Amino acid sequence: MWTHFEPVHAVTYFHPRARAAYEAVGLRGYWRGYFAGRAAPLGTVEAAPVVAAFYSFAPSMVARALPSVWKLAPPQEALRARLTGAVQALAEMTYELPEAHLAEAADLLAEAAGAVQVAGRVLGAANAALPAGEYPLARLWQAATTLREHRGDGHVAALVAAGLDPAEVVAWRCRVDMSREFHQMARGWTDEEWAAAEERLVERGWLTPEGEATARATAEFRAVEEATDRAAAGPWLALGADRSARLRELLAPIARRCHTIIPAQSPIGLPAVGPEADVSPLPAR
C-alpha cells in the first residue's frame, strides 16, 4: 500500500505547481517550501521538534530553515500553499481518469487515514487533525499525507529501537543502494559527521572496515522494515482485505502518473508501481 499512496503525497516535493504555490506565499527556494510545508501541521515550532520528527536531517540543516520560515509564511499560509499546490499537481496528472474513480479512491483512502492510531505519532497525529478537504483530490492528498507520516513515525520508532542514529541510517543506506554524493547533500551532514557515522557502523558490525554492508546489517535492517510494516498495518486491517485490494486497484493508475515526476535520485527510495506491482522496498524516509 505504501508504494501506492506515497507517490500521491510526493507530488508536493517534485511537481512544478507545488513549488509555485510555495513561492507564491514567499517560500522561495526548495528547502524553505519543504520544511515549512511538512512542519506546518506542528504550528510555529522551533527547529528542535522538527529535528526529532524528521529524523534523517542534520540539525544544522533544519536550523537554517526553522523558525525563520514562519516570518515568510505562517503555518496556516504554508498549509494552504501545500494543499493548493498538491491539488493542482494531481489535477494536472489525473485529468484523464473519471471523476468517480478519483472520488472512490479518495473516500477509501480517507477512511483508512481515519483509522490511524495517533498515540506516539507526532507527524501522523498532526496531519490527522487537519481538515480532510472538500473535494476528492484534496481528500486524496491529505489522506495519503496522513498515512505516510503515520508510517514514517513508526519507522523512526523502529530505528530508535534498533539503536541507529540519523547519520548512521543515511550513511549505511548509501553503502547499500543510494548515492552518497546526492544524499549527504540532501540531508545536510558534513564530511566529519559522515565519517564518524561510518566509524560507528564499523564498530557495531554494520560495515566492514572496507565500507561494505554486512549480512548482519542487512538482516537487522530488514527487521526494522518489518517492524515498520507491523506498526503501519492498523489502517489496512480496519479497511479490510477486500476494500484494501480495491483501493490498491484504484490507486495504481494514479500512483503511476505521480511517479513520472519523482526523480530517480530521491531520498524517498520509492520503487516504481507496475501494472501488477508487488514490491518489498527498503525505504529511506
C-alpha atoms as a PDB file:
ATOM      1  CA  MET A   1       0.000   0.000   0.000  1.00  0.00           C
ATOM      2  CA  TRP A   2       2.898   2.363   0.735  1.00  0.00           C
ATOM      3  CA  THR A   3       4.111   2.124  -2.858  1.00  0.00           C
ATOM      4  CA  HIS A   4       0.638   3.196  -3.997  1.00  0.00           C
ATOM      5  CA  PHE A   5      -0.118   6.133  -1.679  1.00  0.00           C
ATOM      6  CA  GLU A   6       3.385   7.569  -1.231  1.00  0.00           C
ATOM      7  CA  PRO A   7       3.591   8.845  -4.854  1.00  0.00           C
ATOM      8  CA  VAL A   8       0.343  10.766  -4.286  1.00  0.00           C
ATOM      9  CA  HIS A   9       1.886  12.545  -1.322  1.00  0.00           C
ATOM     10  CA  ALA A  10       5.218  13.083  -3.089  1.00  0.00           C
ATOM     11  CA  VAL A  11       3.853  15.473  -5.709  1.00  0.00           C
ATOM     12  CA  THR A  12       4.230  18.171  -3.059  1.00  0.00           C
ATOM     13  CA  TYR A  13       8.017  17.821  -3.294  1.00  0.00           C
ATOM     14  CA  PHE A  14       8.551  17.424  -7.013  1.00  0.00           C
ATOM     15  CA  HIS A  15       5.796  18.945  -9.133  1.00  0.00           C
ATOM     16  CA  PRO A  16       6.344  22.479 -10.501  1.00  0.00           C
ATOM     17  CA  ARG A  17       2.843  23.542  -9.431  1.00  0.00           C
ATOM     18  CA  ALA A  18       3.627  22.599  -5.833  1.00  0.00           C
ATOM     19  CA  ARG A  19       6.836  24.633  -5.954  1.00  0.00           C
ATOM     20  CA  ALA A  20       4.965  27.580  -7.469  1.00  0.00           C
ATOM     21  CA  ALA A  21       2.344  27.507  -4.701  1.00  0.00           C
ATOM     22  CA  TYR A  22       5.035  27.761  -2.031  1.00  0.00           C
ATOM     23  CA  GLU A  23       6.805  30.545  -3.901  1.00  0.00           C
ATOM     24  CA  ALA A  24       3.540  32.469  -4.187  1.00  0.00           C
ATOM     25  CA  VAL A  25       3.420  32.839  -0.388  1.00  0.00           C
ATOM     26  CA  GLY A  26       7.071  33.843  -0.121  1.00  0.00           C
ATOM     27  CA  LEU A  27       8.703  30.430   0.379  1.00  0.00           C
ATOM     28  CA  ARG A  28      11.308  30.710  -2.356  1.00  0.00           C
ATOM     29  CA  GLY A  29      13.939  28.008  -2.605  1.00  0.00           C
ATOM     30  CA  TYR A  30      13.196  24.305  -2.417  1.00  0.00           C
ATOM     31  CA  TRP A  31      14.101  23.734   1.231  1.00  0.00           C
ATOM     32  CA  ARG A  32      12.047  26.644   2.578  1.00  0.00           C
ATOM     33  CA  GLY A  33       8.963  25.122   0.989  1.00  0.00           C
ATOM     34  CA  TYR A  34       9.884  21.628   2.136  1.00  0.00           C
ATOM     35  CA  PHE A  35      10.453  22.450   5.794  1.00  0.00           C
ATOM     36  CA  ALA A  36       7.591  24.943   6.065  1.00  0.00           C
ATOM     37  CA  GLY A  37       5.096  22.681   4.298  1.00  0.00           C
ATOM     38  CA  ARG A  38       5.971  19.498   6.110  1.00  0.00           C
ATOM     39  CA  ALA A  39       6.379  21.109   9.548  1.00  0.00           C
ATOM     40  CA  ALA A  40       3.341  23.411   9.306  1.00  0.00           C
ATOM     41  CA  PRO A  41       0.905  20.900  10.907  1.00  0.00           C
ATOM     42  CA  LEU A  42       3.002  21.227  14.083  1.00  0.00           C
ATOM     43  CA  GLY A  43       2.469  25.007  14.296  1.00  0.00           C
ATOM     44  CA  THR A  44       5.148  27.674  14.750  1.00  0.00           C
ATOM     45  CA  VAL A  45       7.755  25.254  16.058  1.00  0.00           C
ATOM     46  CA  GLU A  46      11.450  25.890  16.518  1.00  0.00           C
ATOM     47  CA  ALA A  47      13.998  23.588  14.890  1.00  0.00           C
ATOM     48  CA  ALA A  48      14.318  21.049  17.732  1.00  0.00           C
ATOM     49  CA  PRO A  49      10.957  19.228  17.349  1.00  0.00           C
ATOM     50  CA  VAL A  50      11.462  19.017  13.586  1.00  0.00           C
ATOM     51  CA  VAL A  51      14.973  17.590  14.008  1.00  0.00           C
ATOM     52  CA  ALA A  52      13.391  14.891  16.168  1.00  0.00           C
ATOM     53  CA  ALA A  53      10.380  14.180  13.955  1.00  0.00           C
ATOM     54  CA  PHE A  54      12.052  14.336  10.518  1.00  0.00           C
ATOM     55  CA  TYR A  55      14.959  12.276  11.894  1.00  0.00           C
ATOM     56  CA  SER A  56      17.337  11.900   8.944  1.00  0.00           C
ATOM     57  CA  PHE A  57      18.263  15.570   8.561  1.00  0.00           C
ATOM     58  CA  ALA A  58      21.339  17.134  10.151  1.00  0.00           C
ATOM     59  CA  PRO A  59      20.244  19.560  12.909  1.00  0.00           C
ATOM     60  CA  SER A  60      22.233  22.367  11.276  1.00  0.00           C
ATOM     61  CA  MET A  61      20.244  21.972   8.045  1.00  0.00           C
ATOM     62  CA  VAL A  62      16.912  22.169   9.860  1.00  0.00           C
ATOM     63  CA  ALA A  63      18.075  25.218  11.808  1.00  0.00           C
ATOM     64  CA  ARG A  64      18.794  27.087   8.574  1.00  0.00           C
ATOM     65  CA  ALA A  65      15.075  26.928   7.757  1.00  0.00           C
ATOM     66  CA  LEU A  66      13.338  26.991  11.133  1.00  0.00           C
ATOM     67  CA  PRO A  67      11.987  29.074  12.731  1.00  0.00           C
ATOM     68  CA  SER A  68      12.820  31.745  10.130  1.00  0.00           C
ATOM     69  CA  VAL A  69      10.370  30.364   7.525  1.00  0.00           C
ATOM     70  CA  TRP A  70       7.443  31.371   9.734  1.00  0.00           C
ATOM     71  CA  LYS A  71       8.329  35.027   9.138  1.00  0.00           C
ATOM     72  CA  LEU A  72       7.817  34.402   5.416  1.00  0.00           C
ATOM     73  CA  ALA A  73       4.689  32.260   5.694  1.00  0.00           C
ATOM     74  CA  PRO A  74       2.952  31.375   8.985  1.00  0.00           C
ATOM     75  CA  PRO A  75       1.878  27.726   9.323  1.00  0.00           C
ATOM     76  CA  GLN A  76      -1.696  28.294   8.138  1.00  0.00           C
ATOM     77  CA  GLU A  77      -0.429  30.003   4.979  1.00  0.00           C
ATOM     78  CA  ALA A  78       2.091  27.226   4.398  1.00  0.00           C
ATOM     79  CA  LEU A  79      -0.674  24.629   4.826  1.00  0.00           C
ATOM     80  CA  ARG A  80      -2.901  26.379   2.298  1.00  0.00           C
ATOM     81  CA  ALA A  81       0.001  26.605  -0.127  1.00  0.00           C
ATOM     82  CA  ARG A  82       0.953  22.946   0.185  1.00  0.00           C
ATOM     83  CA  LEU A  83      -2.635  21.740  -0.331  1.00  0.00           C
ATOM     84  CA  THR A  84      -3.237  24.129  -3.219  1.00  0.00           C
ATOM     85  CA  GLY A  85      -0.043  23.064  -4.962  1.00  0.00           C
ATOM     86  CA  ALA A  86      -0.667  19.368  -4.370  1.00  0.00           C
ATOM     87  CA  VAL A  87      -4.244  19.517  -5.669  1.00  0.00           C
ATOM     88  CA  GLN A  88      -3.182  21.473  -8.744  1.00  0.00           C
ATOM     89  CA  ALA A  89      -0.438  18.929  -9.405  1.00  0.00           C
ATOM     90  CA  LEU A  90      -2.802  15.983  -9.014  1.00  0.00           C
ATOM     91  CA  ALA A  91      -5.425  17.642 -11.204  1.00  0.00           C
ATOM     92  CA  GLU A  92      -2.866  18.042 -13.972  1.00  0.00           C
ATOM     93  CA  MET A  93      -1.713  14.443 -13.680  1.00  0.00           C
ATOM     94  CA  THR A  94      -5.067  12.672 -13.308  1.00  0.00           C
ATOM     95  CA  TYR A  95      -7.354  14.650 -15.637  1.00  0.00           C
ATOM     96  CA  GLU A  96      -7.840  11.585 -17.857  1.00  0.00           C
ATOM     97  CA  LEU A  97      -9.257   9.488 -15.018  1.00  0.00           C
ATOM     98  CA  PRO A  98     -13.036   9.537 -14.410  1.00  0.00           C
ATOM     99  CA  GLU A  99     -14.210  11.696 -11.520  1.00  0.00           C
ATOM    100  CA  ALA A 100     -15.959   8.664  -9.997  1.00  0.00           C
ATOM    101  CA  HIS A 101     -12.626   6.810  -9.942  1.00  0.00           C
ATOM    102  CA  LEU A 102     -10.910   9.649  -8.080  1.00  0.00           C
ATOM    103  CA  ALA A 103     -13.811  10.087  -5.664  1.00  0.00           C
ATOM    104  CA  GLU A 104     -13.924   6.395  -4.761  1.00  0.00           C
ATOM    105  CA  ALA A 105     -10.135   6.314  -4.245  1.00  0.00           C
ATOM    106  CA  ALA A 106     -10.316   9.437  -2.083  1.00  0.00           C
ATOM    107  CA  ASP A 107     -13.144   8.065   0.040  1.00  0.00           C
ATOM    108  CA  LEU A 108     -11.414   4.739   0.686  1.00  0.00           C
ATOM    109  CA  LEU A 109      -8.037   6.326   1.384  1.00  0.00           C
ATOM    110  CA  ALA A 110      -9.629   8.865   3.722  1.00  0.00           C
ATOM    111  CA  GLU A 111     -11.355   6.020   5.566  1.00  0.00           C
ATOM    112  CA  ALA A 112      -8.005   4.277   6.004  1.00  0.00           C
ATOM    113  CA  ALA A 113      -6.408   7.514   7.196  1.00  0.00           C
ATOM    114  CA  GLY A 114      -9.242   7.952   9.679  1.00  0.00           C
ATOM    115  CA  ALA A 115      -8.247   4.662  11.313  1.00  0.00           C
ATOM    116  CA  VAL A 116      -4.651   5.644  12.176  1.00  0.00           C
ATOM    117  CA  GLN A 117      -3.652   5.302  15.814  1.00  0.00           C
ATOM    118  CA  VAL A 118      -2.027   8.622  16.704  1.00  0.00           C
ATOM    119  CA  ALA A 119      -0.529   7.905  20.138  1.00  0.00           C
ATOM    120  CA  GLY A 120       3.238   8.339  19.888  1.00  0.00           C
ATOM    121  CA  ARG A 121       2.973   9.517  16.243  1.00  0.00           C
ATOM    122  CA  VAL A 122       3.725  13.215  16.201  1.00  0.00           C
ATOM    123  CA  LEU A 123       3.581  13.901  12.460  1.00  0.00           C
ATOM    124  CA  GLY A 124       0.813  11.383  11.859  1.00  0.00           C
ATOM    125  CA  ALA A 125      -1.302  12.914  14.615  1.00  0.00           C
ATOM    126  CA  ALA A 126      -0.728  16.484  13.458  1.00  0.00           C
ATOM    127  CA  ASN A 127      -1.782  15.635   9.902  1.00  0.00           C
ATOM    128  CA  ALA A 128      -4.735  13.511  11.017  1.00  0.00           C
ATOM    129  CA  ALA A 129      -6.074  16.546  12.885  1.00  0.00           C
ATOM    130  CA  LEU A 130      -6.206  18.687   9.736  1.00  0.00           C
ATOM    131  CA  PRO A 131      -9.424  19.066   7.686  1.00  0.00           C
ATOM    132  CA  ALA A 132      -9.901  16.217   5.227  1.00  0.00           C
ATOM    133  CA  GLY A 133     -10.674  18.526   2.303  1.00  0.00           C
ATOM    134  CA  GLU A 134     -13.918  19.245   0.466  1.00  0.00           C
ATOM    135  CA  TYR A 135     -13.028  17.911  -2.995  1.00  0.00           C
ATOM    136  CA  PRO A 136     -11.809  14.415  -3.970  1.00  0.00           C
ATOM    137  CA  LEU A 137      -8.233  15.369  -4.870  1.00  0.00           C
ATOM    138  CA  ALA A 138      -7.849  17.354  -1.633  1.00  0.00           C
ATOM    139  CA  ARG A 139      -9.168  14.392   0.370  1.00  0.00           C
ATOM    140  CA  LEU A 140      -6.926  12.027  -1.565  1.00  0.00           C
ATOM    141  CA  TRP A 141      -3.771  14.041  -0.950  1.00  0.00           C
ATOM    142  CA  GLN A 142      -4.487  14.774   2.706  1.00  0.00           C
ATOM    143  CA  ALA A 143      -5.241  11.099   3.406  1.00  0.00           C
ATOM    144  CA  ALA A 144      -2.066   9.991   1.631  1.00  0.00           C
ATOM    145  CA  THR A 145      -0.085  12.516   3.663  1.00  0.00           C
ATOM    146  CA  THR A 146      -1.573  11.395   6.973  1.00  0.00           C
ATOM    147  CA  LEU A 147      -0.836   7.748   6.165  1.00  0.00           C
ATOM    148  CA  ARG A 148       2.754   8.397   5.034  1.00  0.00           C
ATOM    149  CA  GLU A 149       3.585  10.477   8.119  1.00  0.00           C
ATOM    150  CA  HIS A 150       1.944   7.850  10.345  1.00  0.00           C
ATOM    151  CA  ARG A 151       4.095   5.196   8.683  1.00  0.00           C
ATOM    152  CA  GLY A 152       7.179   7.403   8.951  1.00  0.00           C
ATOM    153  CA  ASP A 153       6.631   7.904  12.684  1.00  0.00           C
ATOM    154  CA  GLY A 154       6.577   4.133  13.117  1.00  0.00           C
ATOM    155  CA  HIS A 155       9.731   3.797  11.034  1.00  0.00           C
ATOM    156  CA  VAL A 156      11.547   6.332  13.215  1.00  0.00           C
ATOM    157  CA  ALA A 157      10.456   4.425  16.328  1.00  0.00           C
ATOM    158  CA  ALA A 158      11.843   1.209  14.833  1.00  0.00           C
ATOM    159  CA  LEU A 159      15.163   2.908  14.019  1.00  0.00           C
ATOM    160  CA  VAL A 160      15.430   4.296  17.548  1.00  0.00           C
ATOM    161  CA  ALA A 161      14.666   0.859  18.999  1.00  0.00           C
ATOM    162  CA  ALA A 162      17.407  -0.611  16.793  1.00  0.00           C
ATOM    163  CA  GLY A 163      19.875   1.955  18.119  1.00  0.00           C
ATOM    164  CA  LEU A 164      20.526   3.648  14.758  1.00  0.00           C
ATOM    165  CA  ASP A 165      21.064   7.385  14.805  1.00  0.00           C
ATOM    166  CA  PRO A 166      20.084   9.580  11.836  1.00  0.00           C
ATOM    167  CA  ALA A 167      23.556   9.982  10.332  1.00  0.00           C
ATOM    168  CA  GLU A 168      24.183   6.236  10.620  1.00  0.00           C
ATOM    169  CA  VAL A 169      20.963   5.382   8.787  1.00  0.00           C
ATOM    170  CA  VAL A 170      21.749   7.621   5.836  1.00  0.00           C
ATOM    171  CA  ALA A 171      25.426   6.623   5.697  1.00  0.00           C
ATOM    172  CA  TRP A 172      24.579   2.914   5.775  1.00  0.00           C
ATOM    173  CA  ARG A 173      21.933   3.191   3.046  1.00  0.00           C
ATOM    174  CA  CYS A 174      24.480   4.962   0.854  1.00  0.00           C
ATOM    175  CA  ARG A 175      26.747   1.941   1.178  1.00  0.00           C
ATOM    176  CA  VAL A 176      23.877  -0.297   0.062  1.00  0.00           C
ATOM    177  CA  ASP A 177      21.795   1.267  -2.686  1.00  0.00           C
ATOM    178  CA  MET A 178      21.931   5.051  -2.615  1.00  0.00           C
ATOM    179  CA  SER A 179      24.338   7.767  -3.717  1.00  0.00           C
ATOM    180  CA  ARG A 180      26.401   9.498  -1.052  1.00  0.00           C
ATOM    181  CA  GLU A 181      27.051  12.426  -3.393  1.00  0.00           C
ATOM    182  CA  PHE A 182      23.342  13.204  -3.532  1.00  0.00           C
ATOM    183  CA  HIS A 183      22.036  12.066  -0.156  1.00  0.00           C
ATOM    184  CA  GLN A 184      24.705  13.615   2.031  1.00  0.00           C
ATOM    185  CA  MET A 185      23.909  16.981   0.479  1.00  0.00           C
ATOM    186  CA  ALA A 186      20.144  16.375   0.669  1.00  0.00           C
ATOM    187  CA  ARG A 187      20.321  15.646   4.392  1.00  0.00           C
ATOM    188  CA  GLY A 188      22.976  18.179   5.341  1.00  0.00           C
ATOM    189  CA  TRP A 189      25.640  16.042   7.037  1.00  0.00           C
ATOM    190  CA  THR A 190      29.231  17.298   6.998  1.00  0.00           C
ATOM    191  CA  ASP A 191      32.139  15.098   5.892  1.00  0.00           C
ATOM    192  CA  GLU A 192      33.274  14.849   9.517  1.00  0.00           C
ATOM    193  CA  GLU A 193      29.829  13.783  10.731  1.00  0.00           C
ATOM    194  CA  TRP A 194      29.589  11.267   7.891  1.00  0.00           C
ATOM    195  CA  ALA A 195      32.992   9.740   8.647  1.00  0.00           C
ATOM    196  CA  ALA A 196      32.148   9.470  12.347  1.00  0.00           C
ATOM    197  CA  ALA A 197      28.860   7.716  11.500  1.00  0.00           C
ATOM    198  CA  GLU A 198      30.662   5.192   9.302  1.00  0.00           C
ATOM    199  CA  GLU A 199      33.191   4.531  12.065  1.00  0.00           C
ATOM    200  CA  ARG A 200      30.345   3.759  14.459  1.00  0.00           C
ATOM    201  CA  LEU A 201      28.793   1.435  11.874  1.00  0.00           C
ATOM    202  CA  VAL A 202      32.082  -0.476  11.569  1.00  0.00           C
ATOM    203  CA  GLU A 203      32.276  -0.767  15.361  1.00  0.00           C
ATOM    204  CA  ARG A 204      28.760  -2.195  15.610  1.00  0.00           C
ATOM    205  CA  GLY A 205      29.348  -4.657  12.751  1.00  0.00           C
ATOM    206  CA  TRP A 206      27.122  -2.999  10.147  1.00  0.00           C
ATOM    207  CA  LEU A 207      30.004  -2.136   7.822  1.00  0.00           C
ATOM    208  CA  THR A 208      33.247  -3.936   7.143  1.00  0.00           C
ATOM    209  CA  PRO A 209      36.496  -1.939   7.539  1.00  0.00           C
ATOM    210  CA  GLU A 210      36.408  -1.594   3.738  1.00  0.00           C
ATOM    211  CA  GLY A 211      32.958   0.011   3.920  1.00  0.00           C
ATOM    212  CA  GLU A 212      30.825  -2.897   2.695  1.00  0.00           C
ATOM    213  CA  ALA A 213      27.445  -3.622   4.245  1.00  0.00           C
ATOM    214  CA  THR A 214      27.468  -6.829   6.284  1.00  0.00           C
ATOM    215  CA  ALA A 215      24.955  -9.674   6.209  1.00  0.00           C
ATOM    216  CA  ARG A 216      24.160  -8.945   9.852  1.00  0.00           C
ATOM    217  CA  ALA A 217      23.294  -5.338   8.982  1.00  0.00           C
ATOM    218  CA  THR A 218      21.038  -6.397   6.126  1.00  0.00           C
ATOM    219  CA  ALA A 219      19.164  -8.782   8.389  1.00  0.00           C
ATOM    220  CA  GLU A 220      18.819  -6.246  11.191  1.00  0.00           C
ATOM    221  CA  PHE A 221      17.642  -3.514   8.855  1.00  0.00           C
ATOM    222  CA  ARG A 222      15.104  -5.904   7.361  1.00  0.00           C
ATOM    223  CA  ALA A 223      13.833  -6.368  10.919  1.00  0.00           C
ATOM    224  CA  VAL A 224      13.432  -2.582  11.145  1.00  0.00           C
ATOM    225  CA  GLU A 225      11.380  -2.643   7.944  1.00  0.00           C
ATOM    226  CA  GLU A 226       9.228  -5.492   9.227  1.00  0.00           C
ATOM    227  CA  ALA A 227       8.612  -3.557  12.455  1.00  0.00           C
ATOM    228  CA  THR A 228       7.662  -0.538  10.346  1.00  0.00           C
ATOM    229  CA  ASP A 229       5.167  -2.640   8.387  1.00  0.00           C
ATOM    230  CA  ARG A 230       3.605  -4.028  11.559  1.00  0.00           C
ATOM    231  CA  ALA A 231       3.264  -0.559  13.050  1.00  0.00           C
ATOM    232  CA  ALA A 232       1.648   0.712   9.832  1.00  0.00           C
ATOM    233  CA  ALA A 233      -0.828  -2.161   9.439  1.00  0.00           C
ATOM    234  CA  GLY A 234      -3.691  -0.767  11.518  1.00  0.00           C
ATOM    235  CA  PRO A 235      -5.469   1.292   8.834  1.00  0.00           C
ATOM    236  CA  TRP A 236      -5.414  -1.611   6.376  1.00  0.00           C
ATOM    237  CA  LEU A 237      -6.708  -4.099   8.923  1.00  0.00           C
ATOM    238  CA  ALA A 238      -9.516  -1.659   9.664  1.00  0.00           C
ATOM    239  CA  LEU A 239     -10.310  -1.234   5.970  1.00  0.00           C
ATOM    240  CA  GLY A 240     -10.256  -4.988   5.408  1.00  0.00           C
ATOM    241  CA  ALA A 241      -8.596  -7.131   2.764  1.00  0.00           C
ATOM    242  CA  ASP A 242     -11.206  -6.741   0.018  1.00  0.00           C
ATOM    243  CA  ARG A 243     -11.549  -2.970   0.298  1.00  0.00           C
ATOM    244  CA  SER A 244      -7.775  -2.547   0.613  1.00  0.00           C
ATOM    245  CA  ALA A 245      -7.388  -4.541  -2.607  1.00  0.00           C
ATOM    246  CA  ARG A 246      -9.992  -2.335  -4.293  1.00  0.00           C
ATOM    247  CA  LEU A 247      -8.156   0.772  -3.111  1.00  0.00           C
ATOM    248  CA  ARG A 248      -4.868  -0.607  -4.402  1.00  0.00           C
ATOM    249  CA  GLU A 249      -6.522  -1.139  -7.794  1.00  0.00           C
ATOM    250  CA  LEU A 250      -7.861   2.425  -7.813  1.00  0.00           C
ATOM    251  CA  LEU A 251      -4.564   3.959  -6.687  1.00  0.00           C
ATOM    252  CA  ALA A 252      -2.349   2.110  -9.178  1.00  0.00           C
ATOM    253  CA  PRO A 253      -3.010   4.362 -12.216  1.00  0.00           C
ATOM    254  CA  ILE A 254      -2.852   7.477 -10.023  1.00  0.00           C
ATOM    255  CA  ALA A 255       0.445   6.379  -8.474  1.00  0.00           C
ATOM    256  CA  ARG A 256       1.953   5.575 -11.858  1.00  0.00           C
ATOM    257  CA  ARG A 257       1.116   9.067 -13.102  1.00  0.00           C
ATOM    258  CA  CYS A 258       2.542  10.670  -9.973  1.00  0.00           C
ATOM    259  CA  HIS A 259       5.659   8.548 -10.175  1.00  0.00           C
ATOM    260  CA  THR A 260       6.609  10.109 -13.507  1.00  0.00           C
ATOM    261  CA  ILE A 261       7.688  13.334 -11.784  1.00  0.00           C
ATOM    262  CA  ILE A 262       9.623  11.700  -8.906  1.00  0.00           C
ATOM    263  CA  PRO A 263      13.369  11.826  -9.674  1.00  0.00           C
ATOM    264  CA  ALA A 264      15.242   8.531  -9.874  1.00  0.00           C
ATOM    265  CA  GLN A 265      17.658  10.004  -7.320  1.00  0.00           C
ATOM    266  CA  SER A 266      15.349  10.667  -4.376  1.00  0.00           C
ATOM    267  CA  PRO A 267      15.669  10.248  -0.581  1.00  0.00           C
ATOM    268  CA  ILE A 268      12.210   8.657  -0.560  1.00  0.00           C
ATOM    269  CA  GLY A 269      13.616   5.456  -2.093  1.00  0.00           C
ATOM    270  CA  LEU A 270      10.330   4.802  -3.848  1.00  0.00           C
ATOM    271  CA  PRO A 271      10.132   1.931  -6.358  1.00  0.00           C
ATOM    272  CA  ALA A 272       8.011   2.166  -9.489  1.00  0.00           C
ATOM    273  CA  VAL A 273       4.430   0.942  -9.463  1.00  0.00           C
ATOM    274  CA  GLY A 274       3.870  -1.531 -12.298  1.00  0.00           C
ATOM    275  CA  PRO A 275       0.534  -2.850 -13.514  1.00  0.00           C
ATOM    276  CA  GLU A 276       0.753  -5.726 -11.047  1.00  0.00           C
ATOM    277  CA  ALA A 277       3.434  -4.292  -8.762  1.00  0.00           C
ATOM    278  CA  ASP A 278       4.194  -6.237  -5.620  1.00  0.00           C
ATOM    279  CA  VAL A 279       7.447  -4.818  -4.300  1.00  0.00           C
ATOM    280  CA  SER A 280       9.227  -5.036  -0.973  1.00  0.00           C
ATOM    281  CA  PRO A 281      11.422  -1.932  -0.747  1.00  0.00           C
ATOM    282  CA  LEU A 282      13.822  -0.724   1.908  1.00  0.00           C
ATOM    283  CA  PRO A 283      12.593   2.888   2.039  1.00  0.00           C
ATOM    284  CA  ALA A 284      14.695   5.724   3.399  1.00  0.00           C
ATOM    285  CA  ARG A 285      12.471   8.477   4.689  1.00  0.00           C
END
